[in-house]
Amino acid sequence: MLEPELQSIVEQLCSDGCLQVNVYIQEIEAKDLPEVMLVLSEQQQNRVLAELKSIMAVYDQCEV
């Protein structure tokens, strides 16, 4: 479970929709961080990235 600050960032990023979250994942991996993540440590950035990937893995397995 993420700390409330990180959970809030994940929720904010996810509110932009699945397609945009996939873009965020690519950007974060390239160290081109969304503005909301600029204040985070590298460890926190990695935790947010892992959470976004985990969330998207669920969607990738579903037929929508």
PDB file of N, CA and C in Angstrom:
ATOM      1  N   MET A   1       0.845  -1.190   0.000  1.00  0.00           N
ATOM      2  CA  MET A   1       0.000   0.000   0.000  1.00  0.00           C
ATOM      3  C   MET A   1       0.885   1.246   0.000  1.00  0.00           C
ATOM      4  N   LEU A   2       0.538   2.180  -0.832  1.00  0.00           N
ATOM      5  CA  LEU A   2       1.296   3.422  -0.931  1.00  0.00           C
ATOM      6  C   LEU A   2       0.901   4.396   0.172  1.00  0.00           C
ATOM      7  N   GLU A   3       1.852   5.261   0.512  1.00  0.00           N
ATOM      8  CA  GLU A   3       1.534   6.338   1.437  1.00  0.00           C
ATOM      9  C   GLU A   3       0.482   7.240   0.788  1.00  0.00           C
ATOM     10  N   PRO A   4      -0.296   7.957   1.599  1.00  0.00           N
ATOM     11  CA  PRO A   4      -1.358   8.806   1.038  1.00  0.00           C
ATOM     12  C   PRO A   4      -0.869   9.784  -0.034  1.00  0.00           C
ATOM     13  N   GLU A   5       0.316  10.374   0.157  1.00  0.00           N
ATOM     14  CA  GLU A   5       0.837  11.329  -0.834  1.00  0.00           C
ATOM     15  C   GLU A   5       1.043  10.652  -2.189  1.00  0.00           C
ATOM     16  N   LEU A   6       1.642   9.466  -2.174  1.00  0.00           N
ATOM     17  CA  LEU A   6       1.896   8.751  -3.428  1.00  0.00           C
ATOM     18  C   LEU A   6       0.596   8.226  -4.028  1.00  0.00           C
ATOM     19  N   GLN A   7      -0.304   7.742  -3.179  1.00  0.00           N
ATOM     20  CA  GLN A   7      -1.594   7.252  -3.659  1.00  0.00           C
ATOM     21  C   GLN A   7      -2.363   8.369  -4.349  1.00  0.00           C
ATOM     22  N   SER A   8      -2.297   9.557  -3.784  1.00  0.00           N
ATOM     23  CA  SER A   8      -2.975  10.710  -4.376  1.00  0.00           C
ATOM     24  C   SER A   8      -2.416  11.023  -5.764  1.00  0.00           C
ATOM     25  N   ILE A   9      -1.111  10.926  -5.916  1.00  0.00           N
ATOM     26  CA  ILE A   9      -0.481  11.173  -7.217  1.00  0.00           C
ATOM     27  C   ILE A   9      -0.910  10.108  -8.220  1.00  0.00           C
ATOM     28  N   VAL A  10      -0.925   8.855  -7.806  1.00  0.00           N
ATOM     29  CA  VAL A  10      -1.366   7.767  -8.687  1.00  0.00           C
ATOM     30  C   VAL A  10      -2.804   8.016  -9.136  1.00  0.00           C
ATOM     31  N   GLU A  11      -3.665   8.370  -8.193  1.00  0.00           N
ATOM     32  CA  GLU A  11      -5.068   8.624  -8.533  1.00  0.00           C
ATOM     33  C   GLU A  11      -5.198   9.804  -9.486  1.00  0.00           C
ATOM     34  N   GLN A  12      -4.400  10.831  -9.256  1.00  0.00           N
ATOM     35  CA  GLN A  12      -4.440  11.999 -10.138  1.00  0.00           C
ATOM     36  C   GLN A  12      -4.018  11.618 -11.555  1.00  0.00           C
ATOM     37  N   LEU A  13      -2.951  10.853 -11.680  1.00  0.00           N
ATOM     38  CA  LEU A  13      -2.490  10.428 -13.002  1.00  0.00           C
ATOM     39  C   LEU A  13      -3.515   9.513 -13.666  1.00  0.00           C
ATOM     40  N   CYS A  14      -4.096   8.602 -12.903  1.00  0.00           N
ATOM     41  CA  CYS A  14      -5.073   7.662 -13.458  1.00  0.00           C
ATOM     42  C   CYS A  14      -6.359   8.359 -13.898  1.00  0.00           C
ATOM     43  N   SER A  15      -6.655   9.495 -13.302  1.00  0.00           N
ATOM     44  CA  SER A  15      -7.883  10.205 -13.671  1.00  0.00           C
ATOM     45  C   SER A  15      -7.836  10.714 -15.108  1.00  0.00           C
ATOM     46  N   ASP A  16      -6.648  10.703 -15.710  1.00  0.00           N
ATOM     47  CA  ASP A  16      -6.508  11.142 -17.103  1.00  0.00           C
ATOM     48  C   ASP A  16      -6.829  10.035 -18.105  1.00  0.00           C
ATOM     49  N   GLY A  17      -7.106   8.833 -17.617  1.00  0.00           N
ATOM     50  CA  GLY A  17      -7.514   7.741 -18.498  1.00  0.00           C
ATOM     51  C   GLY A  17      -6.386   6.790 -18.850  1.00  0.00           C
ATOM     52  N   CYS A  18      -6.775   5.599 -19.294  1.00  0.00           N
ATOM     53  CA  CYS A  18      -5.826   4.509 -19.560  1.00  0.00           C
ATOM     54  C   CYS A  18      -4.788   4.860 -20.618  1.00  0.00           C
ATOM     55  N   LEU A  19      -5.216   5.462 -21.695  1.00  0.00           N
ATOM     56  CA  LEU A  19      -4.262   5.791 -22.755  1.00  0.00           C
ATOM     57  C   LEU A  19      -3.192   6.747 -22.246  1.00  0.00           C
ATOM     58  N   GLN A  20      -3.622   7.745 -21.483  1.00  0.00           N
ATOM     59  CA  GLN A  20      -2.668   8.717 -20.958  1.00  0.00           C
ATOM     60  C   GLN A  20      -1.765   8.085 -19.902  1.00  0.00           C
ATOM     61  N   VAL A  21      -2.286   7.165 -19.110  1.00  0.00           N
ATOM     62  CA  VAL A  21      -1.453   6.484 -18.112  1.00  0.00           C
ATOM     63  C   VAL A  21      -0.337   5.712 -18.808  1.00  0.00           C
ATOM     64  N   ASN A  22      -0.642   5.076 -19.923  1.00  0.00           N
ATOM     65  CA  ASN A  22       0.408   4.380 -20.677  1.00  0.00           C
ATOM     66  C   ASN A  22       1.479   5.358 -21.163  1.00  0.00           C
ATOM     67  N   VAL A  23       1.069   6.546 -21.557  1.00  0.00           N
ATOM     68  CA  VAL A  23       2.032   7.584 -21.950  1.00  0.00           C
ATOM     69  C   VAL A  23       2.861   7.998 -20.738  1.00  0.00           C
ATOM     70  N   TYR A  24       2.197   8.195 -19.597  1.00  0.00           N
ATOM     71  CA  TYR A  24       2.926   8.560 -18.377  1.00  0.00           C
ATOM     72  C   TYR A  24       3.974   7.508 -18.032  1.00  0.00           C
ATOM     73  N   ILE A  25       3.619   6.243 -18.154  1.00  0.00           N
ATOM     74  CA  ILE A  25       4.564   5.166 -17.844  1.00  0.00           C
ATOM     75  C   ILE A  25       5.805   5.293 -18.724  1.00  0.00           C
ATOM     76  N   GLN A  26       5.598   5.499 -20.011  1.00  0.00           N
ATOM     77  CA  GLN A  26       6.737   5.656 -20.923  1.00  0.00           C
ATOM     78  C   GLN A  26       7.565   6.884 -20.566  1.00  0.00           C
ATOM     79  N   GLU A  27       6.895   7.970 -20.243  1.00  0.00           N
ATOM     80  CA  GLU A  27       7.607   9.197 -19.889  1.00  0.00           C
ATOM     81  C   GLU A  27       8.411   9.024 -18.603  1.00  0.00           C
ATOM     82  N   ILE A  28       7.810   8.405 -17.605  1.00  0.00           N
ATOM     83  CA  ILE A  28       8.499   8.200 -16.328  1.00  0.00           C
ATOM     84  C   ILE A  28       9.717   7.310 -16.528  1.00  0.00           C
ATOM     85  N   GLU A  29       9.570   6.270 -17.329  1.00  0.00           N
ATOM     86  CA  GLU A  29      10.703   5.383 -17.610  1.00  0.00           C
ATOM     87  C   GLU A  29      11.841   6.139 -18.299  1.00  0.00           C
ATOM     88  N   ALA A  30      11.494   7.151 -19.091  1.00  0.00           N
ATOM     89  CA  ALA A  30      12.492   7.970 -19.789  1.00  0.00           C
ATOM     90  C   ALA A  30      12.957   9.153 -18.930  1.00  0.00           C
ATOM     91  N   LYS A  31      12.496   9.188 -17.680  1.00  0.00           N
ATOM     92  CA  LYS A  31      12.828  10.274 -16.733  1.00  0.00           C
ATOM     93  C   LYS A  31      12.293  11.628 -17.182  1.00  0.00           C
ATOM     94  N   ASP A  32      11.228  11.604 -17.978  1.00  0.00           N
ATOM     95  CA  ASP A  32      10.507  12.814 -18.369  1.00  0.00           C
ATOM     96  C   ASP A  32       9.233  12.829 -17.528  1.00  0.00           C
ATOM     97  N   LEU A  33       9.374  13.290 -16.290  1.00  0.00           N
ATOM     98  CA  LEU A  33       8.319  13.122 -15.296  1.00  0.00           C
ATOM     99  C   LEU A  33       7.151  14.074 -15.495  1.00  0.00           C
ATOM    100  N   PRO A  34       5.925  13.576 -15.226  1.00  0.00           N
ATOM    101  CA  PRO A  34       4.785  14.485 -15.149  1.00  0.00           C
ATOM    102  C   PRO A  34       5.050  15.503 -14.028  1.00  0.00           C
ATOM    103  N   GLU A  35       4.548  16.690 -14.183  1.00  0.00           N
ATOM    104  CA  GLU A  35       4.818  17.777 -13.234  1.00  0.00           C
ATOM    105  C   GLU A  35       4.527  17.384 -11.787  1.00  0.00           C
ATOM    106  N   VAL A  36       3.467  16.648 -11.572  1.00  0.00           N
ATOM    107  CA  VAL A  36       3.062  16.270 -10.219  1.00  0.00           C
ATOM    108  C   VAL A  36       4.103  15.388  -9.523  1.00  0.00           C
ATOM    109  N   MET A  37       4.992  14.774 -10.293  1.00  0.00           N
ATOM    110  CA  MET A  37       5.990  13.867  -9.720  1.00  0.00           C
ATOM    111  C   MET A  37       7.354  14.519  -9.499  1.00  0.00           C
ATOM    112  N   LEU A  38       7.520  15.755  -9.889  1.00  0.00           N
ATOM    113  CA  LEU A  38       8.831  16.406  -9.811  1.00  0.00           C
ATOM    114  C   LEU A  38       9.344  16.550  -8.382  1.00  0.00           C
ATOM    115  N   VAL A  39       8.456  16.615  -7.418  1.00  0.00           N
ATOM    116  CA  VAL A  39       8.856  16.798  -6.017  1.00  0.00           C
ATOM    117  C   VAL A  39       9.239  15.485  -5.334  1.00  0.00           C
ATOM    118  N   LEU A  40       9.065  14.362  -6.025  1.00  0.00           N
ATOM    119  CA  LEU A  40       9.302  13.055  -5.422  1.00  0.00           C
ATOM    120  C   LEU A  40      10.766  12.642  -5.527  1.00  0.00           C
ATOM    121  N   SER A  41      11.198  11.858  -4.552  1.00  0.00           N
ATOM    122  CA  SER A  41      12.528  11.255  -4.628  1.00  0.00           C
ATOM    123  C   SER A  41      12.517  10.181  -5.712  1.00  0.00           C
ATOM    124  N   GLU A  42      13.694   9.725  -6.102  1.00  0.00           N
ATOM    125  CA  GLU A  42      13.766   8.677  -7.117  1.00  0.00           C
ATOM    126  C   GLU A  42      13.066   7.407  -6.637  1.00  0.00           C
ATOM    127  N   GLN A  43      13.212   7.081  -5.367  1.00  0.00           N
ATOM    128  CA  GLN A  43      12.545   5.903  -4.809  1.00  0.00           C
ATOM    129  C   GLN A  43      11.025   6.056  -4.893  1.00  0.00           C
ATOM    130  N   GLN A  44      10.525   7.224  -4.562  1.00  0.00           N
ATOM    131  CA  GLN A  44       9.086   7.469  -4.648  1.00  0.00           C
ATOM    132  C   GLN A  44       8.616   7.411  -6.099  1.00  0.00           C
ATOM    133  N   GLN A  45       9.400   7.960  -7.009  1.00  0.00           N
ATOM    134  CA  GLN A  45       9.059   7.894  -8.430  1.00  0.00           C
ATOM    135  C   GLN A  45       8.940   6.445  -8.882  1.00  0.00           C
ATOM    136  N   ASN A  46       9.874   5.624  -8.442  1.00  0.00           N
ATOM    137  CA  ASN A  46       9.850   4.208  -8.810  1.00  0.00           C
ATOM    138  C   ASN A  46       8.636   3.500  -8.231  1.00  0.00           C
ATOM    139  N   ARG A  47       8.229   3.880  -7.044  1.00  0.00           N
ATOM    140  CA  ARG A  47       7.045   3.266  -6.433  1.00  0.00           C
ATOM    141  C   ARG A  47       5.774   3.655  -7.185  1.00  0.00           C
ATOM    142  N   VAL A  48       5.682   4.921  -7.582  1.00  0.00           N
ATOM    143  CA  VAL A  48       4.532   5.372  -8.374  1.00  0.00           C
ATOM    144  C   VAL A  48       4.520   4.647  -9.716  1.00  0.00           C
ATOM    145  N   LEU A  49       5.664   4.545 -10.356  1.00  0.00           N
ATOM    146  CA  LEU A  49       5.762   3.836 -11.633  1.00  0.00           C
ATOM    147  C   LEU A  49       5.321   2.386 -11.483  1.00  0.00           C
ATOM    148  N   ALA A  50       5.789   1.713 -10.453  1.00  0.00           N
ATOM    149  CA  ALA A  50       5.410   0.314 -10.230  1.00  0.00           C
ATOM    150  C   ALA A  50       3.908   0.182 -10.008  1.00  0.00           C
ATOM    151  N   GLU A  51       3.330   1.117  -9.285  1.00  0.00           N
ATOM    152  CA  GLU A  51       1.885   1.077  -9.032  1.00  0.00           C
ATOM    153  C   GLU A  51       1.103   1.301 -10.327  1.00  0.00           C
ATOM    154  N   LEU A  52       1.537   2.247 -11.142  1.00  0.00           N
ATOM    155  CA  LEU A  52       0.863   2.488 -12.422  1.00  0.00           C
ATOM    156  C   LEU A  52       0.942   1.255 -13.316  1.00  0.00           C
ATOM    157  N   LYS A  53       2.105   0.618 -13.356  1.00  0.00           N
ATOM    158  CA  LYS A  53       2.259  -0.601 -14.160  1.00  0.00           C
ATOM    159  C   LYS A  53       1.361  -1.712 -13.637  1.00  0.00           C
ATOM    160  N   SER A  54       1.259  -1.825 -12.334  1.00  0.00           N
ATOM    161  CA  SER A  54       0.411  -2.849 -11.726  1.00  0.00           C
ATOM    162  C   SER A  54      -1.058  -2.620 -12.086  1.00  0.00           C
ATOM    163  N   ILE A  55      -1.471  -1.386 -12.013  1.00  0.00           N
ATOM    164  CA  ILE A  55      -2.858  -1.043 -12.355  1.00  0.00           C
ATOM    165  C   ILE A  55      -3.133  -1.347 -13.823  1.00  0.00           C
ATOM    166  N   MET A  56      -2.228  -0.946 -14.693  1.00  0.00           N
ATOM    167  CA  MET A  56      -2.442  -1.150 -16.119  1.00  0.00           C
ATOM    168  C   MET A  56      -2.376  -2.622 -16.500  1.00  0.00           C
ATOM    169  N   ALA A  57      -1.638  -3.423 -15.760  1.00  0.00           N
ATOM    170  CA  ALA A  57      -1.571  -4.861 -16.038  1.00  0.00           C
ATOM    171  C   ALA A  57      -2.950  -5.491 -15.909  1.00  0.00           C
ATOM    172  N   VAL A  58      -3.743  -5.003 -14.972  1.00  0.00           N
ATOM    173  CA  VAL A  58      -5.107  -5.511 -14.802  1.00  0.00           C
ATOM    174  C   VAL A  58      -5.940  -5.180 -16.034  1.00  0.00           C
ATOM    175  N   TYR A  59      -5.832  -3.940 -16.516  1.00  0.00           N
ATOM    176  CA  TYR A  59      -6.600  -3.530 -17.689  1.00  0.00           C
ATOM    177  C   TYR A  59      -6.152  -4.274 -18.940  1.00  0.00           C
ATOM    178  N   ASP A  60      -4.868  -4.537 -19.056  1.00  0.00           N
ATOM    179  CA  ASP A  60      -4.352  -5.246 -20.225  1.00  0.00           C
ATOM    180  C   ASP A  60      -4.866  -6.675 -20.299  1.00  0.00           C
ATOM    181  N   GLN A  61      -5.250  -7.253 -19.153  1.00  0.00           N
ATOM    182  CA  GLN A  61      -5.751  -8.624 -19.122  1.00  0.00           C
ATOM    183  C   GLN A  61      -7.246  -8.703 -19.395  1.00  0.00           C
ATOM    184  N   CYS A  62      -7.925  -7.574 -19.329  1.00  0.00           N
ATOM    185  CA  CYS A  62      -9.381  -7.557 -19.508  1.00  0.00           C
ATOM    186  C   CYS A  62      -9.729  -7.211 -20.952  1.00  0.00           C
ATOM    187  N   GLU A  63     -10.763  -7.825 -21.433  1.00  0.00           N
ATOM    188  CA  GLU A  63     -11.294  -7.457 -22.743  1.00  0.00           C
ATOM    189  C   GLU A  63     -12.383  -6.428 -22.526  1.00  0.00           C
ATOM    190  N   VAL A  64     -12.110  -5.213 -22.952  1.00  0.00           N
ATOM    191  CA  VAL A  64     -13.076  -4.131 -22.746  1.00  0.00           C
ATOM    192  C   VAL A  64     -13.620  -3.697 -24.076  1.00  0.00           C
TER     193      VAL A  64
END
